[in-house]
């Protein structure tokens, strides 16, 4: 991340969740076209060992819908409601990730997120092909694990993610994020060139926590540094001027998540955070401009990346369902 005070990085949360379907290629493409410093995305591992993108360990009916089994009588069908790790890539490919179905009338994205029907769950490799073509944009890959997982399973998952990024030549443009700090320990062991971001929220900072790789919750800044984190990413409710100052004293950048209201964005800029993670990159660009801070470059990834044909580009064009 950039030096504190010189700039504030703009990270698109799950691509641009407030504007396009989350963790999808259309969402990432839209974020790149708006202009972001990094794209945050969520990784899981299928039953057949492929790294795919989805926020929850279990497929949620809010943003995913079944379209049919891969073959008649598949006992795993319906797939929505099952864990990613229980399904193969072939099964996941049948799920439509392009239409949000709000669980409540108060869903914050019901009037802002444009649907892209027929959008499949992407692989991390596909996201790398798209994002990697945008000069300088970094990947912030969150690994979705659980403290109940054995260490060996955490290590296998971390290596699978790191292998994809390394094969694409994106190691130095990538940061691995995790609430389960064992991931960061494994990432450092795999290749210290990977950025390692320690995620924290209130529920991971409780007595007896099992999320922090054996550390206690009393000093998250110092503990993150001890386990080899290169940045700290707290939920917005935890961020205070004192926390930012403590991290600054240890030269540990702070990326606050998830901030969608302009007034809150301005407040955290005033605190001196290094990056803001948002579902609305368009709003944050406006706030950054109002503060005289530099804006990330805008990309045209579909036109610049030869891996995407005209047919694919058309299929990725957002449209509102009548």
Protein backbone atom coordinates (compact mmCIF):
# COMPACT_ATOMS: atom_id res chain seq x y z
CA UNK A 1 0.00 0.00 0.00
CA UNK A 2 1.01 3.59 -0.50
CA UNK A 3 2.51 5.71 2.24
CA UNK A 4 0.01 7.07 4.74
CA UNK A 5 -1.01 10.61 3.93
CA UNK A 6 0.16 10.58 0.29
CA UNK A 7 -2.92 8.76 -1.01
CA UNK A 8 -5.77 6.52 0.03
CA UNK A 9 -6.19 3.34 -1.98
CA UNK A 10 -9.59 2.42 -3.39
CA UNK A 11 -10.44 -1.27 -3.08
CA UNK A 12 -13.53 -2.59 -4.86
CA UNK A 13 -15.33 -4.95 -2.48
CA UNK A 14 -16.24 -8.21 -4.23
CA UNK A 15 -15.64 -6.21 -7.39
CA UNK A 16 -18.28 -3.48 -7.14
CA UNK A 17 -21.05 -5.19 -5.17
CA UNK A 18 -23.21 -2.09 -4.96
CA UNK A 19 -23.33 -1.87 -8.75
CA UNK A 20 -22.86 -5.35 -10.26
CA UNK A 21 -23.17 -8.98 -9.09
CA UNK A 22 -20.52 -9.79 -6.49
CA UNK A 23 -17.50 -11.97 -7.16
CA UNK A 24 -18.22 -12.17 -10.90
CA UNK A 25 -16.28 -11.25 -14.00
CA UNK A 26 -18.83 -8.56 -14.95
CA UNK A 27 -18.44 -7.06 -11.49
CA UNK A 28 -14.66 -7.04 -11.72
CA UNK A 29 -14.77 -5.58 -15.22
CA UNK A 30 -17.05 -2.76 -14.05
CA UNK A 31 -14.77 -1.99 -11.11
CA UNK A 32 -11.77 -1.80 -13.43
CA UNK A 33 -13.60 0.51 -15.80
CA UNK A 34 -14.57 2.80 -12.90
CA UNK A 35 -10.96 2.81 -11.70
CA UNK A 36 -9.71 1.03 -8.57
CA UNK A 37 -6.35 0.32 -6.98
CA UNK A 38 -7.30 -3.22 -5.99
CA UNK A 39 -10.15 -5.67 -6.31
CA UNK A 40 -11.16 -7.67 -3.26
CA UNK A 41 -12.58 -11.11 -3.97
CA UNK A 42 -13.38 -14.27 -2.02
CA UNK A 43 -11.95 -17.71 -2.73
CA UNK A 44 -13.10 -21.23 -2.00
CA UNK A 45 -11.89 -24.68 -3.05
CA UNK A 46 -14.14 -27.14 -4.86
CA UNK A 47 -14.35 -30.86 -4.21
CA UNK A 48 -12.12 -31.44 -7.24
CA UNK A 49 -9.50 -28.92 -6.15
CA UNK A 50 -10.34 -25.84 -8.26
CA UNK A 51 -10.16 -22.38 -6.69
CA UNK A 52 -13.46 -20.58 -7.35
CA UNK A 53 -14.90 -17.27 -6.22
CA UNK A 54 -17.79 -17.06 -3.78
CA UNK A 55 -18.18 -15.14 -0.53
CA UNK A 56 -19.66 -17.81 1.74
CA UNK A 57 -18.51 -21.35 2.35
CA UNK A 58 -22.11 -22.37 1.60
CA UNK A 59 -23.85 -21.24 -1.60
CA UNK A 60 -26.34 -18.50 -0.69
CA UNK A 61 -29.77 -18.09 -2.34
CA UNK A 62 -29.37 -14.32 -2.04
CA UNK A 63 -26.89 -14.12 -4.90
CA UNK A 64 -26.94 -17.60 -6.45
CA UNK A 65 -29.66 -19.66 -8.13
CA UNK A 66 -29.81 -23.22 -9.39
CA UNK A 67 -30.57 -23.71 -13.08
CA UNK A 68 -30.57 -27.52 -13.18
CA UNK A 69 -28.38 -30.49 -12.31
CA UNK A 70 -25.34 -31.42 -14.37
CA UNK A 71 -27.07 -34.72 -15.08
CA UNK A 72 -30.52 -36.13 -14.25
CA UNK A 73 -30.78 -37.57 -10.77
CA UNK A 74 -27.62 -35.91 -9.39
CA UNK A 75 -27.98 -36.60 -5.64
CA UNK A 76 -26.15 -33.36 -4.78
CA UNK A 77 -28.84 -31.23 -6.47
CA UNK A 78 -30.00 -28.61 -5.59
CA UNK A 79 -26.54 -27.12 -5.26
CA UNK A 80 -27.52 -23.83 -3.61
CA UNK A 81 -27.37 -24.44 0.12
CA UNK A 82 -24.43 -26.82 -0.15
CA UNK A 83 -20.82 -26.05 0.73
CA UNK A 84 -18.42 -25.10 -2.04
CA UNK A 85 -16.05 -27.84 -0.91
CA UNK A 86 -18.80 -30.46 -1.46
CA UNK A 87 -19.33 -29.56 -5.12
CA UNK A 88 -17.26 -30.01 -8.27
CA UNK A 89 -16.49 -27.20 -10.69
CA UNK A 90 -18.88 -28.79 -13.19
CA UNK A 91 -21.71 -28.60 -10.66
CA UNK A 92 -20.90 -25.02 -9.67
CA UNK A 93 -20.87 -23.93 -13.32
CA UNK A 94 -24.61 -24.58 -13.53
CA UNK A 95 -25.34 -21.99 -10.83
CA UNK A 96 -26.38 -18.49 -11.95
CA UNK A 97 -24.41 -15.83 -10.05
CA UNK A 98 -25.79 -12.85 -11.96
CA UNK A 99 -29.04 -11.95 -10.21
CA UNK A 100 -29.45 -10.79 -6.61
CA UNK A 101 -32.52 -12.08 -4.79
CA UNK A 102 -32.75 -10.00 -1.60
CA UNK A 103 -33.69 -11.87 1.55
CA UNK A 104 -35.34 -8.74 2.96
CA UNK A 105 -36.88 -5.54 1.61
CA UNK A 106 -34.09 -3.63 3.32
CA UNK A 107 -31.33 -5.16 1.22
CA UNK A 108 -28.94 -2.22 0.56
CA UNK A 109 -28.23 -3.26 -3.02
CA UNK A 110 -31.75 -4.00 -4.24
CA UNK A 111 -32.01 -0.68 -6.14
CA UNK A 112 -28.35 -0.20 -7.05
CA UNK A 113 -27.03 -3.55 -8.32
CA UNK A 114 -27.71 -4.22 -12.00
CA UNK A 115 -28.26 -7.90 -12.81
CA UNK A 116 -26.23 -9.84 -15.35
CA UNK A 117 -28.31 -13.00 -15.82
CA UNK A 118 -26.55 -16.16 -16.89
CA UNK A 119 -23.27 -15.23 -15.21
CA UNK A 120 -21.40 -18.31 -13.95
CA UNK A 121 -19.38 -18.66 -10.78
CA UNK A 122 -15.84 -17.80 -11.96
CA UNK A 123 -12.56 -19.47 -11.13
CA UNK A 124 -9.70 -17.51 -9.60
CA UNK A 125 -7.69 -18.18 -12.75
CA UNK A 126 -10.36 -16.49 -14.88
CA UNK A 127 -10.34 -13.48 -12.58
CA UNK A 128 -6.56 -13.32 -12.83
CA UNK A 129 -6.77 -13.24 -16.63
CA UNK A 130 -9.11 -10.26 -16.48
CA UNK A 131 -7.63 -8.27 -13.62
CA UNK A 132 -4.05 -9.10 -14.56
CA UNK A 133 -4.53 -7.30 -17.89
CA UNK A 134 -5.25 -4.02 -16.07
CA UNK A 135 -1.88 -2.39 -15.45
CA UNK A 136 -1.06 -1.99 -11.78
CA UNK A 137 -4.39 -3.15 -10.33
CA UNK A 138 -3.83 -5.55 -7.45
CA UNK A 139 -5.77 -8.57 -6.28
CA UNK A 140 -6.88 -8.84 -2.66
CA UNK A 141 -7.87 -12.49 -2.29
CA UNK A 142 -9.70 -13.47 0.87
CA UNK A 143 -9.46 -17.15 1.76
CA UNK A 144 -12.66 -18.41 3.35
CA UNK A 145 -11.70 -20.91 6.04
CA UNK A 146 -12.83 -21.85 9.52
CA UNK A 147 -10.82 -22.20 12.76
CA UNK A 148 -12.17 -25.76 13.05
CA UNK A 149 -10.30 -26.79 9.91
CA UNK A 150 -7.13 -28.85 10.48
CA UNK A 151 -3.86 -27.04 9.85
CA UNK A 152 -3.14 -29.33 6.89
CA UNK A 153 -6.37 -28.31 5.16
CA UNK A 154 -5.62 -24.61 5.67
CA UNK A 155 -2.15 -25.18 4.20
CA UNK A 156 -3.56 -27.05 1.18
CA UNK A 157 -6.09 -24.33 0.44
CA UNK A 158 -3.51 -21.55 0.83
CA UNK A 159 -1.12 -23.33 -1.51
CA UNK A 160 -3.88 -23.87 -4.09
CA UNK A 161 -4.66 -20.14 -4.15
CA UNK A 162 -0.99 -19.15 -4.20
CA UNK A 163 -0.30 -21.61 -7.03
CA UNK A 164 -2.91 -19.94 -9.26
CA UNK A 165 -1.57 -16.45 -8.59
CA UNK A 166 2.04 -17.52 -9.08
CA UNK A 167 1.25 -19.31 -12.34
CA UNK A 168 -0.25 -16.06 -13.65
CA UNK A 169 2.82 -14.06 -12.57
CA UNK A 170 0.75 -12.06 -10.08
CA UNK A 171 2.50 -12.88 -6.82
CA UNK A 172 3.79 -9.36 -6.26
CA UNK A 173 0.45 -7.83 -7.27
CA UNK A 174 -1.51 -10.01 -4.85
CA UNK A 175 -2.43 -9.86 -1.18
CA UNK A 176 -3.87 -12.79 0.67
CA UNK A 177 -6.50 -11.82 3.25
CA UNK A 178 -7.86 -13.93 6.09
CA UNK A 179 -9.69 -13.78 9.39
CA UNK A 180 -8.03 -17.12 10.11
CA UNK A 181 -4.48 -15.91 10.57
CA UNK A 182 -3.05 -19.39 9.96
CA UNK A 183 -3.54 -18.56 6.28
CA UNK A 184 -1.10 -15.66 6.60
CA UNK A 185 1.48 -17.86 8.27
CA UNK A 186 1.15 -20.37 5.42
CA UNK A 187 1.30 -17.62 2.78
CA UNK A 188 4.55 -16.31 4.22
CA UNK A 189 5.97 -19.83 4.21
CA UNK A 190 4.90 -20.33 0.58
CA UNK A 191 6.42 -17.06 -0.68
CA UNK A 192 7.16 -13.96 1.42
CA UNK A 193 6.52 -11.82 -1.69
CA UNK A 194 2.77 -12.22 -1.17
CA UNK A 195 1.12 -9.40 0.73
CA UNK A 196 -0.55 -10.76 3.88
CA UNK A 197 -3.53 -8.89 5.30
CA UNK A 198 -4.86 -9.66 8.77
CA UNK A 199 -8.63 -9.26 8.82
CA UNK A 200 -10.37 -8.52 12.13
CA UNK A 201 -13.92 -7.94 13.28
CA UNK A 202 -15.60 -7.89 16.65
CA UNK A 203 -16.41 -11.59 16.72
CA UNK A 204 -12.77 -12.57 16.10
CA UNK A 205 -11.51 -10.36 18.94
CA UNK A 206 -13.14 -12.17 21.86
CA UNK A 207 -11.55 -14.02 24.79
CA UNK A 208 -10.48 -17.50 23.76
CA UNK A 209 -10.56 -16.61 20.07
CA UNK A 210 -9.30 -19.29 17.70
CA UNK A 211 -9.01 -16.99 14.70
CA UNK A 212 -5.69 -15.29 15.45
CA UNK A 213 -3.20 -18.16 15.08
CA UNK A 214 -2.78 -18.55 18.83
CA UNK A 215 -2.60 -14.85 19.66
CA UNK A 216 -4.88 -13.10 22.12
CA UNK A 217 -7.32 -10.36 21.15
CA UNK A 218 -5.88 -7.60 23.34
CA UNK A 219 -3.41 -6.10 20.86
CA UNK A 220 -4.48 -6.87 17.29
CA UNK A 221 -1.96 -4.48 15.77
CA UNK A 222 1.03 -6.01 17.56
CA UNK A 223 -0.27 -9.55 17.09
CA UNK A 224 -0.78 -9.05 13.35
CA UNK A 225 2.81 -7.87 13.04
CA UNK A 226 4.05 -10.85 15.07
CA UNK A 227 2.50 -13.41 12.74
CA UNK A 228 3.97 -11.70 9.67
CA UNK A 229 1.06 -9.62 8.39
CA UNK A 230 1.98 -6.81 6.02
CA UNK A 231 -1.29 -4.92 6.62
CA UNK A 232 -4.24 -4.83 9.00
CA UNK A 233 -7.84 -4.73 7.74
CA UNK A 234 -10.41 -4.04 10.47
CA UNK A 235 -14.16 -3.71 10.09
CA UNK A 236 -15.20 -0.08 10.15
CA UNK A 237 -16.67 -0.27 13.67
CA UNK A 238 -13.23 -1.07 15.08
CA UNK A 239 -11.37 1.79 13.43
CA UNK A 240 -10.42 4.72 15.66
CA UNK A 241 -7.74 7.38 15.38
CA UNK A 242 -5.91 5.53 18.16
CA UNK A 243 -5.87 2.23 16.27
CA UNK A 244 -4.62 3.93 13.10
CA UNK A 245 -1.91 5.73 15.10
CA UNK A 246 -0.81 2.47 16.76
CA UNK A 247 -0.52 0.79 13.37
CA UNK A 248 1.34 3.81 11.99
CA UNK A 249 3.93 3.56 14.77
CA UNK A 250 4.64 -0.01 13.62
CA UNK A 251 4.52 0.90 9.89
CA UNK A 252 1.52 -1.40 9.42
CA UNK A 253 -0.92 -0.09 6.78
CA UNK A 254 -4.64 -0.05 7.63
CA UNK A 255 -7.39 -0.92 5.13
CA UNK A 256 -10.87 -0.34 6.57
CA UNK A 257 -13.91 -2.33 5.38
CA UNK A 258 -16.67 -2.02 4.20
CA UNK A 259 -17.46 1.70 3.86
CA UNK A 260 -20.26 2.83 1.54
CA UNK A 261 -21.42 6.23 2.78
CA UNK A 262 -19.48 9.33 1.65
CA UNK A 263 -19.51 10.89 5.14
CA UNK A 264 -17.93 7.76 6.59
CA UNK A 265 -15.37 7.65 3.79
CA UNK A 266 -14.38 11.23 4.60
CA UNK A 267 -14.11 10.42 8.31
CA UNK A 268 -11.72 7.53 7.71
CA UNK A 269 -9.64 9.60 5.33
CA UNK A 270 -9.32 12.08 8.20
CA UNK A 271 -8.14 9.27 10.47
CA UNK A 272 -5.30 8.56 8.06
CA UNK A 273 -6.19 5.08 6.84
CA UNK A 274 -4.21 3.74 3.90
CA UNK A 275 -7.09 2.11 2.01
CA UNK A 276 -10.87 1.98 2.01
CA UNK A 277 -12.78 -1.10 0.88
CA UNK A 278 -16.16 -0.22 -0.63
CA UNK A 279 -19.09 -1.71 -2.51
CA UNK A 280 -19.39 1.65 -4.32
CA UNK A 281 -16.10 2.60 -6.01
CA UNK A 282 -17.95 5.40 -7.80
CA UNK A 283 -18.82 7.10 -4.51
CA UNK A 284 -15.32 6.77 -3.10
CA UNK A 285 -13.81 8.24 -6.27
CA UNK A 286 -15.98 11.31 -5.70
CA UNK A 287 -14.86 11.63 -2.08
CA UNK A 288 -11.19 11.20 -2.97
CA UNK A 289 -11.48 13.87 -5.65
CA UNK A 290 -13.17 16.24 -3.20
CA UNK A 291 -10.22 15.80 -0.83
CA UNK A 292 -7.69 16.46 -3.59
CA UNK A 293 -6.37 12.89 -3.40
CA UNK A 294 -5.14 11.01 -6.49
CA UNK A 295 -7.55 8.72 -8.31
CA UNK A 296 -6.67 5.26 -9.65
CA UNK A 297 -6.54 4.89 -13.41
CA UNK A 298 -9.57 3.64 -15.30
CA UNK A 299 -9.26 0.51 -17.44
CA UNK A 300 -11.08 -0.98 -20.40
CA UNK A 301 -10.41 -4.65 -19.60
CA UNK A 302 -12.82 -6.27 -22.06
CA UNK A 303 -11.34 -4.44 -25.02
CA UNK A 304 -7.73 -4.72 -23.89
CA UNK A 305 -7.72 -8.39 -22.91
CA UNK A 306 -7.61 -10.66 -25.98
CA UNK A 307 -8.84 -13.59 -23.88
CA UNK A 308 -12.34 -12.10 -24.04
CA UNK A 309 -14.13 -12.45 -27.36
CA UNK A 310 -16.78 -10.02 -28.59
CA UNK A 311 -19.42 -12.62 -27.76
CA UNK A 312 -18.16 -12.90 -24.19
CA UNK A 313 -18.00 -9.13 -23.84
CA UNK A 314 -21.60 -8.81 -24.98
CA UNK A 315 -22.66 -11.54 -22.57
CA UNK A 316 -20.99 -9.61 -19.76
CA UNK A 317 -22.86 -6.37 -20.53
CA UNK A 318 -25.16 -5.57 -17.57
CA UNK A 319 -28.86 -5.27 -18.33
CA UNK A 320 -31.91 -4.74 -16.15
CA UNK A 321 -34.47 -7.52 -16.07
CA UNK A 322 -38.00 -6.42 -16.80
